[in-house]
Amino acid sequence: FRHIFAMVFGELDEALTAARRVHRIHTRIHGVI
């Protein structure tokens, strides 16, 4: 929710920073079912 709230309610730079951070975290998350 810290990331979501930064995206929804933050200044534009805060939203963009959160977006890039989440994407970087997601980049490391992969595997197989």
PDB file of all heavy atoms in Angstrom:
ATOM      1  N   PHE A   1       0.818  -1.214   0.000  1.00  0.00           N
ATOM      2  CA  PHE A   1       0.000   0.000   0.000  1.00  0.00           C
ATOM      3  C   PHE A   1       0.851   1.263   0.000  1.00  0.00           C
ATOM      4  O   PHE A   1       0.404   2.306  -0.491  1.00  0.00           O
ATOM      5  CB  PHE A   1      -0.982  -0.009   1.169  1.00  0.00           C
ATOM      6  CG  PHE A   1      -2.248  -0.749   0.850  1.00  0.00           C
ATOM      7  CD1 PHE A   1      -2.391  -2.085   1.170  1.00  0.00           C
ATOM      8  CD2 PHE A   1      -3.276  -0.120   0.175  1.00  0.00           C
ATOM      9  CE1 PHE A   1      -3.547  -2.774   0.842  1.00  0.00           C
ATOM     10  CE2 PHE A   1      -4.433  -0.790  -0.160  1.00  0.00           C
ATOM     11  CZ  PHE A   1      -4.577  -2.124   0.171  1.00  0.00           C
ATOM     12  N   ARG A   2       2.064   1.186   0.509  1.00  0.00           N
ATOM     13  CA  ARG A   2       2.955   2.347   0.413  1.00  0.00           C
ATOM     14  C   ARG A   2       3.218   2.690  -1.050  1.00  0.00           C
ATOM     15  O   ARG A   2       3.168   3.857  -1.444  1.00  0.00           O
ATOM     16  CB  ARG A   2       4.267   2.059   1.137  1.00  0.00           C
ATOM     17  CG  ARG A   2       5.163   3.301   1.298  1.00  0.00           C
ATOM     18  CD  ARG A   2       6.441   2.954   2.027  1.00  0.00           C
ATOM     19  NE  ARG A   2       6.185   2.324   3.300  1.00  0.00           N
ATOM     20  CZ  ARG A   2       6.663   1.137   3.685  1.00  0.00           C
ATOM     21  NH1 ARG A   2       7.433   0.445   2.868  1.00  0.00           N
ATOM     22  NH2 ARG A   2       6.395   0.644   4.872  1.00  0.00           N
ATOM     23  N   HIS A   3       3.449   1.679  -1.866  1.00  0.00           N
ATOM     24  CA  HIS A   3       3.669   1.907  -3.295  1.00  0.00           C
ATOM     25  C   HIS A   3       2.382   2.396  -3.979  1.00  0.00           C
ATOM     26  O   HIS A   3       2.413   3.340  -4.772  1.00  0.00           O
ATOM     27  CB  HIS A   3       4.152   0.622  -3.970  1.00  0.00           C
ATOM     28  CG  HIS A   3       5.535   0.203  -3.577  1.00  0.00           C
ATOM     29  ND1 HIS A   3       6.605   1.077  -3.535  1.00  0.00           N
ATOM     30  CD2 HIS A   3       6.037  -1.005  -3.217  1.00  0.00           C
ATOM     31  CE1 HIS A   3       7.690   0.439  -3.161  1.00  0.00           C
ATOM     32  NE2 HIS A   3       7.377  -0.835  -2.963  1.00  0.00           N
ATOM     33  N   ILE A   4       1.271   1.746  -3.667  1.00  0.00           N
ATOM     34  CA  ILE A   4       0.004   2.126  -4.301  1.00  0.00           C
ATOM     35  C   ILE A   4      -0.360   3.566  -3.963  1.00  0.00           C
ATOM     36  O   ILE A   4      -0.756   4.349  -4.836  1.00  0.00           O
ATOM     37  CB  ILE A   4      -1.122   1.164  -3.871  1.00  0.00           C
ATOM     38  CG1 ILE A   4      -0.897  -0.214  -4.502  1.00  0.00           C
ATOM     39  CG2 ILE A   4      -2.491   1.717  -4.272  1.00  0.00           C
ATOM     40  CD1 ILE A   4      -1.875  -1.273  -4.023  1.00  0.00           C
ATOM     41  N   PHE A   5      -0.232   3.938  -2.691  1.00  0.00           N
ATOM     42  CA  PHE A   5      -0.596   5.292  -2.289  1.00  0.00           C
ATOM     43  C   PHE A   5       0.342   6.330  -2.907  1.00  0.00           C
ATOM     44  O   PHE A   5      -0.087   7.445  -3.248  1.00  0.00           O
ATOM     45  CB  PHE A   5      -0.603   5.412  -0.762  1.00  0.00           C
ATOM     46  CG  PHE A   5      -1.712   4.650  -0.098  1.00  0.00           C
ATOM     47  CD1 PHE A   5      -1.587   4.202   1.209  1.00  0.00           C
ATOM     48  CD2 PHE A   5      -2.882   4.358  -0.780  1.00  0.00           C
ATOM     49  CE1 PHE A   5      -2.605   3.505   1.828  1.00  0.00           C
ATOM     50  CE2 PHE A   5      -3.914   3.650  -0.172  1.00  0.00           C
ATOM     51  CZ  PHE A   5      -3.775   3.227   1.133  1.00  0.00           C
ATOM     52  N   ALA A   6       1.621   5.993  -3.059  1.00  0.00           N
ATOM     53  CA  ALA A   6       2.541   6.913  -3.732  1.00  0.00           C
ATOM     54  C   ALA A   6       2.118   7.114  -5.184  1.00  0.00           C
ATOM     55  O   ALA A   6       2.193   8.227  -5.717  1.00  0.00           O
ATOM     56  CB  ALA A   6       3.964   6.373  -3.671  1.00  0.00           C
ATOM     57  N   MET A   7       1.651   6.066  -5.824  1.00  0.00           N
ATOM     58  CA  MET A   7       1.231   6.163  -7.218  1.00  0.00           C
ATOM     59  C   MET A   7      -0.070   6.960  -7.365  1.00  0.00           C
ATOM     60  O   MET A   7      -0.199   7.797  -8.261  1.00  0.00           O
ATOM     61  CB  MET A   7       1.030   4.761  -7.799  1.00  0.00           C
ATOM     62  CG  MET A   7       2.304   3.954  -7.949  1.00  0.00           C
ATOM     63  SD  MET A   7       1.910   2.264  -8.511  1.00  0.00           S
ATOM     64  CE  MET A   7       3.560   1.578  -8.703  1.00  0.00           C
ATOM     65  N   VAL A   8      -1.028   6.704  -6.492  1.00  0.00           N
ATOM     66  CA  VAL A   8      -2.346   7.319  -6.618  1.00  0.00           C
ATOM     67  C   VAL A   8      -2.383   8.737  -6.066  1.00  0.00           C
ATOM     68  O   VAL A   8      -3.005   9.629  -6.656  1.00  0.00           O
ATOM     69  CB  VAL A   8      -3.413   6.452  -5.925  1.00  0.00           C
ATOM     70  CG1 VAL A   8      -4.773   7.155  -5.909  1.00  0.00           C
ATOM     71  CG2 VAL A   8      -3.535   5.096  -6.631  1.00  0.00           C
ATOM     72  N   PHE A   9      -1.723   8.967  -4.926  1.00  0.00           N
ATOM     73  CA  PHE A   9      -1.836  10.256  -4.235  1.00  0.00           C
ATOM     74  C   PHE A   9      -0.561  11.097  -4.258  1.00  0.00           C
ATOM     75  O   PHE A   9      -0.596  12.271  -3.885  1.00  0.00           O
ATOM     76  CB  PHE A   9      -2.247  10.034  -2.774  1.00  0.00           C
ATOM     77  CG  PHE A   9      -3.581   9.378  -2.605  1.00  0.00           C
ATOM     78  CD1 PHE A   9      -3.677   8.066  -2.152  1.00  0.00           C
ATOM     79  CD2 PHE A   9      -4.748  10.046  -2.923  1.00  0.00           C
ATOM     80  CE1 PHE A   9      -4.901   7.443  -2.001  1.00  0.00           C
ATOM     81  CE2 PHE A   9      -5.991   9.440  -2.773  1.00  0.00           C
ATOM     82  CZ  PHE A   9      -6.067   8.133  -2.309  1.00  0.00           C
ATOM     83  N   GLY A  10       0.554  10.519  -4.677  1.00  0.00           N
ATOM     84  CA  GLY A  10       1.803  11.259  -4.644  1.00  0.00           C
ATOM     85  C   GLY A  10       1.943  12.264  -5.771  1.00  0.00           C
ATOM     86  O   GLY A  10       1.170  12.262  -6.738  1.00  0.00           O
ATOM     87  N   GLU A  11       2.925  13.157  -5.628  1.00  0.00           N
ATOM     88  CA  GLU A  11       3.283  14.025  -6.747  1.00  0.00           C
ATOM     89  C   GLU A  11       3.755  13.154  -7.905  1.00  0.00           C
ATOM     90  O   GLU A  11       4.084  11.976  -7.739  1.00  0.00           O
ATOM     91  CB  GLU A  11       4.378  14.998  -6.322  1.00  0.00           C
ATOM     92  CG  GLU A  11       3.947  15.991  -5.259  1.00  0.00           C
ATOM     93  CD  GLU A  11       5.018  17.036  -4.979  1.00  0.00           C
ATOM     94  OE1 GLU A  11       5.928  17.199  -5.819  1.00  0.00           O
ATOM     95  OE2 GLU A  11       4.941  17.683  -3.925  1.00  0.00           O
ATOM     96  N   LEU A  12       3.811  13.741  -9.078  1.00  0.00           N
ATOM     97  CA  LEU A  12       4.149  12.965 -10.264  1.00  0.00           C
ATOM     98  C   LEU A  12       5.479  12.232 -10.095  1.00  0.00           C
ATOM     99  O   LEU A  12       5.588  11.040 -10.402  1.00  0.00           O
ATOM    100  CB  LEU A  12       4.190  13.860 -11.501  1.00  0.00           C
ATOM    101  CG  LEU A  12       4.534  13.158 -12.820  1.00  0.00           C
ATOM    102  CD1 LEU A  12       3.526  12.058 -13.132  1.00  0.00           C
ATOM    103  CD2 LEU A  12       4.604  14.174 -13.951  1.00  0.00           C
ATOM    104  N   ASP A  13       6.493  12.911  -9.587  1.00  0.00           N
ATOM    105  CA  ASP A  13       7.801  12.268  -9.423  1.00  0.00           C
ATOM    106  C   ASP A  13       7.726  11.088  -8.451  1.00  0.00           C
ATOM    107  O   ASP A  13       8.407  10.071  -8.652  1.00  0.00           O
ATOM    108  CB  ASP A  13       8.838  13.277  -8.928  1.00  0.00           C
ATOM    109  CG  ASP A  13       9.341  14.188 -10.043  1.00  0.00           C
ATOM    110  OD1 ASP A  13       9.076  13.866 -11.223  1.00  0.00           O
ATOM    111  OD2 ASP A  13       9.988  15.202  -9.736  1.00  0.00           O
ATOM    112  N   GLU A  14       6.928  11.224  -7.392  1.00  0.00           N
ATOM    113  CA  GLU A  14       6.761  10.116  -6.446  1.00  0.00           C
ATOM    114  C   GLU A  14       6.108   8.920  -7.125  1.00  0.00           C
ATOM    115  O   GLU A  14       6.509   7.765  -6.906  1.00  0.00           O
ATOM    116  CB  GLU A  14       5.906  10.556  -5.260  1.00  0.00           C
ATOM    117  CG  GLU A  14       6.534  11.578  -4.335  1.00  0.00           C
ATOM    118  CD  GLU A  14       5.578  11.955  -3.225  1.00  0.00           C
ATOM    119  OE1 GLU A  14       5.502  11.212  -2.221  1.00  0.00           O
ATOM    120  OE2 GLU A  14       4.885  12.976  -3.355  1.00  0.00           O
ATOM    121  N   ALA A  15       5.096   9.194  -7.938  1.00  0.00           N
ATOM    122  CA  ALA A  15       4.405   8.114  -8.640  1.00  0.00           C
ATOM    123  C   ALA A  15       5.339   7.392  -9.600  1.00  0.00           C
ATOM    124  O   ALA A  15       5.352   6.158  -9.677  1.00  0.00           O
ATOM    125  CB  ALA A  15       3.189   8.671  -9.391  1.00  0.00           C
ATOM    126  N   LEU A  16       6.145   8.165 -10.325  1.00  0.00           N
ATOM    127  CA  LEU A  16       7.072   7.564 -11.288  1.00  0.00           C
ATOM    128  C   LEU A  16       8.158   6.760 -10.578  1.00  0.00           C
ATOM    129  O   LEU A  16       8.541   5.674 -11.033  1.00  0.00           O
ATOM    130  CB  LEU A  16       7.703   8.651 -12.149  1.00  0.00           C
ATOM    131  CG  LEU A  16       6.740   9.488 -13.003  1.00  0.00           C
ATOM    132  CD1 LEU A  16       7.516  10.547 -13.776  1.00  0.00           C
ATOM    133  CD2 LEU A  16       5.931   8.612 -13.956  1.00  0.00           C
ATOM    134  N   THR A  17       8.640   7.290  -9.453  1.00  0.00           N
ATOM    135  CA  THR A  17       9.668   6.571  -8.684  1.00  0.00           C
ATOM    136  C   THR A  17       9.125   5.244  -8.179  1.00  0.00           C
ATOM    137  O   THR A  17       9.797   4.203  -8.255  1.00  0.00           O
ATOM    138  CB  THR A  17      10.147   7.429  -7.507  1.00  0.00           C
ATOM    139  OG1 THR A  17      10.772   8.617  -8.014  1.00  0.00           O
ATOM    140  CG2 THR A  17      11.138   6.665  -6.638  1.00  0.00           C
ATOM    141  N   ALA A  18       7.901   5.262  -7.650  1.00  0.00           N
ATOM    142  CA  ALA A  18       7.281   4.025  -7.160  1.00  0.00           C
ATOM    143  C   ALA A  18       7.075   3.040  -8.296  1.00  0.00           C
ATOM    144  O   ALA A  18       7.296   1.830  -8.137  1.00  0.00           O
ATOM    145  CB  ALA A  18       5.945   4.343  -6.478  1.00  0.00           C
ATOM    146  N   ALA A  19       6.648   3.544  -9.460  1.00  0.00           N
ATOM    147  CA  ALA A  19       6.422   2.670 -10.610  1.00  0.00           C
ATOM    148  C   ALA A  19       7.700   1.960 -11.028  1.00  0.00           C
ATOM    149  O   ALA A  19       7.714   0.748 -11.279  1.00  0.00           O
ATOM    150  CB  ALA A  19       5.858   3.479 -11.774  1.00  0.00           C
ATOM    151  N   ARG A  20       8.781   2.715 -11.100  1.00  0.00           N
ATOM    152  CA  ARG A  20      10.061   2.118 -11.512  1.00  0.00           C
ATOM    153  C   ARG A  20      10.576   1.142 -10.457  1.00  0.00           C
ATOM    154  O   ARG A  20      11.139   0.097 -10.795  1.00  0.00           O
ATOM    155  CB  ARG A  20      11.082   3.233 -11.768  1.00  0.00           C
ATOM    156  CG  ARG A  20      10.742   4.071 -13.005  1.00  0.00           C
ATOM    157  CD  ARG A  20      11.738   5.195 -13.220  1.00  0.00           C
ATOM    158  NE  ARG A  20      11.437   5.919 -14.448  1.00  0.00           N
ATOM    159  CZ  ARG A  20      11.149   7.223 -14.506  1.00  0.00           C
ATOM    160  NH1 ARG A  20      11.137   7.956 -13.392  1.00  0.00           N
ATOM    161  NH2 ARG A  20      10.875   7.804 -15.664  1.00  0.00           N
ATOM    162  N   ARG A  21      10.369   1.452  -9.205  1.00  0.00           N
ATOM    163  CA  ARG A  21      10.826   0.560  -8.144  1.00  0.00           C
ATOM    164  C   ARG A  21      10.059  -0.762  -8.194  1.00  0.00           C
ATOM    165  O   ARG A  21      10.670  -1.843  -8.115  1.00  0.00           O
ATOM    166  CB  ARG A  21      10.643   1.222  -6.776  1.00  0.00           C
ATOM    167  CG  ARG A  21      10.991   0.306  -5.616  1.00  0.00           C
ATOM    168  CD  ARG A  21      10.985   1.033  -4.285  1.00  0.00           C
ATOM    169  NE  ARG A  21      11.143   0.111  -3.179  1.00  0.00           N
ATOM    170  CZ  ARG A  21      12.279  -0.485  -2.833  1.00  0.00           C
ATOM    171  NH1 ARG A  21      13.378  -0.241  -3.507  1.00  0.00           N
ATOM    172  NH2 ARG A  21      12.325  -1.314  -1.801  1.00  0.00           N
ATOM    173  N   VAL A  22       8.758  -0.688  -8.334  1.00  0.00           N
ATOM    174  CA  VAL A  22       7.947  -1.914  -8.403  1.00  0.00           C
ATOM    175  C   VAL A  22       8.355  -2.750  -9.607  1.00  0.00           C
ATOM    176  O   VAL A  22       8.490  -3.978  -9.520  1.00  0.00           O
ATOM    177  CB  VAL A  22       6.448  -1.568  -8.455  1.00  0.00           C
ATOM    178  CG1 VAL A  22       5.616  -2.800  -8.806  1.00  0.00           C
ATOM    179  CG2 VAL A  22       5.985  -0.989  -7.122  1.00  0.00           C
ATOM    180  N   HIS A  23       8.586  -2.099 -10.740  1.00  0.00           N
ATOM    181  CA  HIS A  23       8.981  -2.836 -11.939  1.00  0.00           C
ATOM    182  C   HIS A  23      10.326  -3.545 -11.726  1.00  0.00           C
ATOM    183  O   HIS A  23      10.499  -4.708 -12.123  1.00  0.00           O
ATOM    184  CB  HIS A  23       9.067  -1.898 -13.149  1.00  0.00           C
ATOM    185  CG  HIS A  23       9.345  -2.616 -14.432  1.00  0.00           C
ATOM    186  ND1 HIS A  23      10.623  -2.883 -14.870  1.00  0.00           N
ATOM    187  CD2 HIS A  23       8.505  -3.144 -15.358  1.00  0.00           C
ATOM    188  CE1 HIS A  23      10.558  -3.532 -16.020  1.00  0.00           C
ATOM    189  NE2 HIS A  23       9.299  -3.705 -16.336  1.00  0.00           N
ATOM    190  N   ARG A  24      11.269  -2.858 -11.091  1.00  0.00           N
ATOM    191  CA  ARG A  24      12.579  -3.478 -10.838  1.00  0.00           C
ATOM    192  C   ARG A  24      12.449  -4.693  -9.924  1.00  0.00           C
ATOM    193  O   ARG A  24      13.088  -5.727 -10.145  1.00  0.00           O
ATOM    194  CB  ARG A  24      13.547  -2.459 -10.219  1.00  0.00           C
ATOM    195  CG  ARG A  24      14.089  -1.439 -11.201  1.00  0.00           C
ATOM    196  CD  ARG A  24      15.301  -0.717 -10.616  1.00  0.00           C
ATOM    197  NE  ARG A  24      15.003  -0.032  -9.366  1.00  0.00           N
ATOM    198  CZ  ARG A  24      14.554   1.204  -9.278  1.00  0.00           C
ATOM    199  NH1 ARG A  24      14.331   1.920 -10.379  1.00  0.00           N
ATOM    200  NH2 ARG A  24      14.326   1.765  -8.087  1.00  0.00           N
ATOM    201  N   ILE A  25      11.621  -4.555  -8.895  1.00  0.00           N
ATOM    202  CA  ILE A  25      11.389  -5.694  -7.998  1.00  0.00           C
ATOM    203  C   ILE A  25      10.780  -6.857  -8.775  1.00  0.00           C
ATOM    204  O   ILE A  25      11.203  -8.008  -8.654  1.00  0.00           O
ATOM    205  CB  ILE A  25      10.472  -5.278  -6.826  1.00  0.00           C
ATOM    206  CG1 ILE A  25      11.188  -4.269  -5.915  1.00  0.00           C
ATOM    207  CG2 ILE A  25      10.027  -6.498  -6.030  1.00  0.00           C
ATOM    208  CD1 ILE A  25      10.289  -3.634  -4.881  1.00  0.00           C
ATOM    209  N   HIS A  26       9.781  -6.544  -9.600  1.00  0.00           N
ATOM    210  CA  HIS A  26       9.104  -7.582 -10.382  1.00  0.00           C
ATOM    211  C   HIS A  26      10.047  -8.264 -11.366  1.00  0.00           C
ATOM    212  O   HIS A  26       9.869  -9.449 -11.680  1.00  0.00           O
ATOM    213  CB  HIS A  26       7.924  -6.974 -11.146  1.00  0.00           C
ATOM    214  CG  HIS A  26       6.734  -6.716 -10.287  1.00  0.00           C
ATOM    215  ND1 HIS A  26       5.564  -6.137 -10.777  1.00  0.00           N
ATOM    216  CD2 HIS A  26       6.503  -6.953  -8.966  1.00  0.00           C
ATOM    217  CE1 HIS A  26       4.690  -6.033  -9.795  1.00  0.00           C
ATOM    218  NE2 HIS A  26       5.230  -6.522  -8.698  1.00  0.00           N
ATOM    219  N   THR A  27      11.026  -7.541 -11.861  1.00  0.00           N
ATOM    220  CA  THR A  27      11.961  -8.115 -12.834  1.00  0.00           C
ATOM    221  C   THR A  27      12.686  -9.334 -12.275  1.00  0.00           C
ATOM    222  O   THR A  27      13.027 -10.268 -13.010  1.00  0.00           O
ATOM    223  CB  THR A  27      12.980  -7.047 -13.279  1.00  0.00           C
ATOM    224  OG1 THR A  27      12.278  -5.968 -13.906  1.00  0.00           O
ATOM    225  CG2 THR A  27      13.976  -7.614 -14.276  1.00  0.00           C
ATOM    226  N   ARG A  28      12.893  -9.335 -10.967  1.00  0.00           N
ATOM    227  CA  ARG A  28      13.614 -10.441 -10.331  1.00  0.00           C
ATOM    228  C   ARG A  28      12.711 -11.633 -10.016  1.00  0.00           C
ATOM    229  O   ARG A  28      13.192 -12.674  -9.565  1.00  0.00           O
ATOM    230  CB  ARG A  28      14.272  -9.945  -9.034  1.00  0.00           C
ATOM    231  CG  ARG A  28      15.241  -8.784  -9.232  1.00  0.00           C
ATOM    232  CD  ARG A  28      16.067  -8.551  -7.976  1.00  0.00           C
ATOM    233  NE  ARG A  28      15.268  -8.103  -6.851  1.00  0.00           N
ATOM    234  CZ  ARG A  28      15.056  -6.820  -6.527  1.00  0.00           C
ATOM    235  NH1 ARG A  28      15.562  -5.859  -7.299  1.00  0.00           N
ATOM    236  NH2 ARG A  28      14.349  -6.488  -5.469  1.00  0.00           N
ATOM    237  N   ILE A  29      11.410 -11.459 -10.218  1.00  0.00           N
ATOM    238  CA  ILE A  29      10.456 -12.486  -9.803  1.00  0.00           C
ATOM    239  C   ILE A  29       9.978 -13.265 -11.023  1.00  0.00           C
ATOM    240  O   ILE A  29       9.138 -12.796 -11.805  1.00  0.00           O
ATOM    241  CB  ILE A  29       9.262 -11.840  -9.067  1.00  0.00           C
ATOM    242  CG1 ILE A  29       9.754 -11.095  -7.819  1.00  0.00           C
ATOM    243  CG2 ILE A  29       8.219 -12.893  -8.701  1.00  0.00           C
ATOM    244  CD1 ILE A  29       8.680 -10.301  -7.111  1.00  0.00           C
ATOM    245  N   HIS A  30      10.507 -14.437 -11.206  1.00  0.00           N
ATOM    246  CA  HIS A  30      10.090 -15.294 -12.320  1.00  0.00           C
ATOM    247  C   HIS A  30      10.419 -16.742 -11.973  1.00  0.00           C
ATOM    248  O   HIS A  30      11.236 -17.022 -11.075  1.00  0.00           O
ATOM    249  CB  HIS A  30      10.783 -14.874 -13.621  1.00  0.00           C
ATOM    250  CG  HIS A  30      12.268 -14.756 -13.514  1.00  0.00           C
ATOM    251  ND1 HIS A  30      13.121 -15.834 -13.630  1.00  0.00           N
ATOM    252  CD2 HIS A  30      13.067 -13.674 -13.257  1.00  0.00           C
ATOM    253  CE1 HIS A  30      14.369 -15.427 -13.475  1.00  0.00           C
ATOM    254  NE2 HIS A  30      14.379 -14.120 -13.236  1.00  0.00           N
ATOM    255  N   GLY A  31       9.768 -17.658 -12.634  1.00  0.00           N
ATOM    256  CA  GLY A  31       9.961 -19.070 -12.359  1.00  0.00           C
ATOM    257  C   GLY A  31       8.969 -19.889 -13.151  1.00  0.00           C
ATOM    258  O   GLY A  31       8.519 -19.464 -14.224  1.00  0.00           O
ATOM    259  N   VAL A  32       8.591 -21.061 -12.639  1.00  0.00           N
ATOM    260  CA  VAL A  32       7.608 -21.903 -13.322  1.00  0.00           C
ATOM    261  C   VAL A  32       6.551 -22.355 -12.323  1.00  0.00           C
ATOM    262  O   VAL A  32       6.820 -22.517 -11.127  1.00  0.00           O
ATOM    263  CB  VAL A  32       8.256 -23.135 -13.985  1.00  0.00           C
ATOM    264  CG1 VAL A  32       9.227 -22.717 -15.073  1.00  0.00           C
ATOM    265  CG2 VAL A  32       8.940 -24.020 -12.951  1.00  0.00           C
ATOM    266  N   ILE A  33       5.341 -22.547 -12.815  1.00  0.00           N
ATOM    267  CA  ILE A  33       4.261 -23.125 -12.018  1.00  0.00           C
ATOM    268  C   ILE A  33       4.533 -24.629 -11.922  1.00  0.00           C
ATOM    269  O   ILE A  33       4.603 -25.307 -12.951  1.00  0.00           O
ATOM    270  CB  ILE A  33       2.896 -22.836 -12.670  1.00  0.00           C
ATOM    271  CG1 ILE A  33       2.639 -21.321 -12.688  1.00  0.00           C
ATOM    272  CG2 ILE A  33       1.775 -23.561 -11.926  1.00  0.00           C
ATOM    273  CD1 ILE A  33       1.390 -20.907 -13.437  1.00  0.00           C
TER     274      ILE A  33
END
